[in-house]
Protein backbone atom coordinates (compact mmCIF):
# COMPACT_ATOMS: atom_id res chain seq x y z
CA MET A 1 0.00 0.00 0.00
CA TYR A 2 1.27 3.48 -0.86
CA TYR A 3 1.23 6.05 1.93
CA ILE A 4 0.13 9.60 1.00
CA PHE A 5 2.05 12.16 3.03
CA PRO A 6 0.05 15.15 4.26
CA PHE A 7 2.14 17.47 2.06
CA GLN A 8 1.00 15.54 -1.03
CA ARG A 9 -2.65 16.44 -0.52
CA GLU A 10 -4.29 19.55 -1.95
CA ASN A 11 -1.23 20.85 -3.74
CA LYS A 12 -1.81 23.98 -5.86
CA TYR A 13 1.57 23.53 -7.53
CA SER A 14 1.21 22.85 -11.25
CA ARG A 15 4.02 20.41 -11.88
CA THR A 16 2.98 20.21 -15.53
CA SER A 17 3.32 23.97 -16.03
CA ALA A 18 6.66 24.14 -14.18
CA VAL A 19 8.12 21.26 -16.20
CA LYS A 20 6.78 22.58 -19.51
CA TYR A 21 8.45 25.93 -18.73
CA ALA A 22 11.73 24.18 -17.81
CA LEU A 23 11.75 22.20 -21.04
CA THR A 24 10.89 25.29 -23.09
CA TYR A 25 13.59 27.52 -21.58
CA GLY A 26 16.18 24.96 -20.44
CA LEU A 27 18.52 25.51 -23.36
CA THR A 28 17.52 29.04 -24.36
CA PRO A 29 16.79 31.39 -21.44
CA ASN A 30 13.50 33.30 -21.42
CA PRO A 31 14.27 36.80 -22.78
CA ASN A 32 11.67 38.28 -20.39
CA TYR A 33 13.94 37.65 -17.39
CA ARG A 34 17.44 38.74 -16.51
CA TYR A 35 20.03 36.07 -17.26
CA PHE A 36 23.00 35.54 -14.90
CA PRO A 37 25.93 34.02 -16.81
CA LEU A 38 28.29 31.51 -15.27
CA ILE A 39 31.61 33.21 -14.56
CA ASN A 40 34.60 31.07 -13.52
CA ASP A 41 32.35 28.37 -12.02
CA LYS A 42 30.78 30.99 -9.77
CA SER A 43 27.39 32.68 -9.81
CA GLY A 44 25.19 31.54 -12.65
CA ASP A 45 21.51 31.36 -13.47
CA CYS A 46 20.41 28.11 -11.82
CA ALA A 47 18.25 29.50 -8.99
CA ASN A 48 16.85 32.28 -11.17
CA PHE A 49 15.76 29.62 -13.68
CA ILE A 50 14.28 27.36 -10.99
CA SER A 51 12.40 30.34 -9.51
CA GLN A 52 10.93 31.05 -12.93
CA CYS A 53 9.80 27.41 -13.14
CA LEU A 54 8.21 27.59 -9.68
CA PHE A 55 6.48 30.88 -10.50
CA THR A 56 5.08 29.40 -13.70
CA GLY A 57 3.87 26.44 -11.62
CA ASN A 58 1.67 28.82 -9.53
CA ALA A 59 4.16 29.71 -6.80
CA PRO A 60 3.08 33.15 -5.55
CA MET A 61 5.70 35.83 -5.05
CA ASP A 62 6.37 36.53 -1.40
CA PHE A 63 7.23 40.13 -0.47
CA ASN A 64 7.70 39.60 3.28
CA LYS A 65 10.57 41.53 4.88
CA VAL A 66 12.30 38.58 6.60
CA ARG A 67 12.80 36.02 3.82
CA PRO A 68 11.17 37.28 0.59
CA TRP A 69 10.98 35.56 -2.79
CA TRP A 70 10.13 37.81 -5.74
CA TYR A 71 11.08 39.23 -9.12
CA LYS A 72 10.00 42.67 -10.38
CA LYS A 73 10.28 43.65 -14.02
CA GLY A 74 11.60 47.12 -14.80
CA LEU A 75 11.21 49.18 -17.96
CA ASN A 76 13.85 46.88 -19.44
CA ARG A 77 15.75 43.84 -18.12
CA ALA A 78 18.62 46.04 -16.93
CA LEU A 79 16.19 47.65 -14.46
CA ASP A 80 14.69 44.39 -13.15
CA THR A 81 15.07 43.69 -9.41
CA TRP A 82 14.77 40.46 -7.41
CA SER A 83 15.16 39.00 -3.96
CA ILE A 84 18.26 37.00 -3.04
CA SER A 85 16.18 33.85 -2.57
CA TRP A 86 14.94 34.20 -6.17
CA SER A 87 18.45 34.13 -7.60
CA VAL A 88 20.82 32.30 -5.19
CA ALA A 89 20.62 28.51 -4.77
CA HIS A 90 21.28 28.30 -1.02
CA SER A 91 18.86 31.15 -0.31
CA LEU A 92 16.14 29.49 -2.42
CA TYR A 93 16.74 26.19 -0.62
CA TYR A 94 16.43 27.78 2.84
CA TYR A 95 13.42 29.86 1.77
CA LEU A 96 11.56 26.71 0.71
CA ARG A 97 12.66 24.69 3.76
CA GLU A 98 11.77 27.45 6.24
CA ASN A 99 8.33 27.81 4.64
CA ALA A 100 7.80 24.07 5.11
CA GLU A 101 8.90 24.20 8.75
CA LYS A 102 6.54 27.10 9.46
CA ASN A 103 3.74 25.66 7.29
CA SER A 104 3.67 28.95 5.41
CA SER A 105 0.92 29.68 2.92
CA TYR A 106 3.68 30.29 0.36
CA THR A 107 5.72 27.72 -1.56
CA LYS A 108 7.16 24.99 0.63
CA GLY A 109 10.03 22.59 0.06
CA ILE A 110 9.84 19.37 2.04
CA GLU A 111 13.16 17.54 2.07
CA ILE A 112 12.95 13.80 1.57
CA THR A 113 15.69 11.19 1.75
CA ASN A 114 14.46 8.79 -0.91
CA LYS A 115 14.87 10.04 -4.48
CA LYS A 116 12.29 7.44 -5.57
CA GLU A 117 9.61 9.70 -3.99
CA LEU A 118 10.49 12.59 -6.30
CA GLU A 119 8.02 13.61 -8.99
CA VAL A 120 8.47 15.80 -12.02
CA GLY A 121 8.49 19.41 -10.84
CA ASP A 122 10.35 18.62 -7.61
CA LEU A 123 13.84 20.02 -7.05
CA ILE A 124 17.32 18.68 -6.41
CA PHE A 125 19.85 20.95 -4.70
CA PHE A 126 23.60 20.29 -4.72
CA GLN A 127 25.81 20.79 -1.64
CA ASP A 128 29.60 21.01 -1.46
CA LYS A 129 31.90 19.57 1.24
CA LYS A 130 31.74 22.82 3.21
CA GLY A 131 27.95 22.55 3.53
CA LEU A 132 27.08 25.24 0.95
CA ILE A 133 24.13 24.65 -1.35
CA PHE A 134 25.61 25.80 -4.65
CA HIS A 135 23.28 24.54 -7.40
CA SER A 136 19.57 23.96 -8.01
CA THR A 137 17.75 21.88 -10.63
CA ILE A 138 14.21 20.75 -11.46
CA VAL A 139 13.19 17.14 -12.10
CA THR A 140 11.69 16.99 -15.59
CA ASN A 141 11.64 13.26 -16.37
CA PHE A 142 12.80 9.82 -15.25
CA SER A 143 14.87 7.10 -16.86
CA ASN A 144 14.84 3.64 -15.29
CA GLY A 145 13.54 5.21 -12.07
CA GLU A 146 16.37 7.77 -11.93
CA PRO A 147 15.50 11.49 -11.95
CA LEU A 148 16.47 13.49 -15.01
CA ILE A 149 16.93 17.20 -14.43
CA THR A 150 16.80 20.41 -16.40
CA GLN A 151 19.05 23.29 -15.34
CA HIS A 152 20.85 26.49 -16.18
CA SER A 153 24.55 27.08 -15.58
CA PRO A 154 25.22 25.16 -17.67
CA GLN A 155 22.06 24.80 -19.73
CA ALA A 156 20.89 21.20 -19.98
CA VAL A 157 17.60 19.39 -20.52
CA ASN A 158 16.68 15.94 -19.17
CA ILE A 159 20.14 14.86 -18.05
CA PRO A 160 20.90 12.52 -15.11
CA TYR A 161 21.44 14.74 -12.07
CA ILE A 162 24.67 12.94 -11.23
CA LYS A 163 26.08 14.16 -14.58
CA SER A 164 25.61 17.80 -13.57
CA TRP A 165 27.98 19.46 -11.09
CA PRO A 166 29.90 17.15 -8.74
CA ALA A 167 28.34 17.32 -5.28
CA PHE A 168 29.15 16.07 -1.82
CA LYS A 169 25.44 15.72 -1.01
CA TYR A 170 22.14 16.00 -2.86
CA HIS A 171 18.98 17.44 -1.30
CA TYR A 172 15.73 16.05 -2.72
CA VAL A 173 12.97 18.59 -2.21
CA LYS A 174 9.24 18.03 -2.79
CA ILE A 175 7.35 21.17 -3.74
CA ARG A 176 3.99 22.13 -2.29
CA ILE A 177 1.95 25.31 -2.43
């Protein structure tokens, strides 16, 4: 018998919309958003891209003053502004996790230990040996039960997550709104 976790019920997150967006813009970034290029294996566009996927999947922007998650378009992309949690992998990870811990009405990320429980639209975060979350990806398919991810920095669609950046630890995060 399959157990349904409480966080799996009544989810307003549109996994289909998030994944469709990821597959559409995985290789060619959406020109309606600022793009953050990868410079010397630092920075990059991964969290910005994942935030766009979440937003397309019905994740509401959160303008709170403690840990916000938002993107505001300016008159042109050079004038766009955003929260740190929108564009930085470790900040996005902690934003989602804290929302889950507080049962926030905003987007929640529930960490699970078994990658077999992941669904398309869930996220995988990458951690280095120092404990820093440095990369974020979205699950967009499966091959032989293994999650395939789509990402920016570098751009890739439906690749095995273990073929992305080398990581000390992976964080499997279920998304719920």
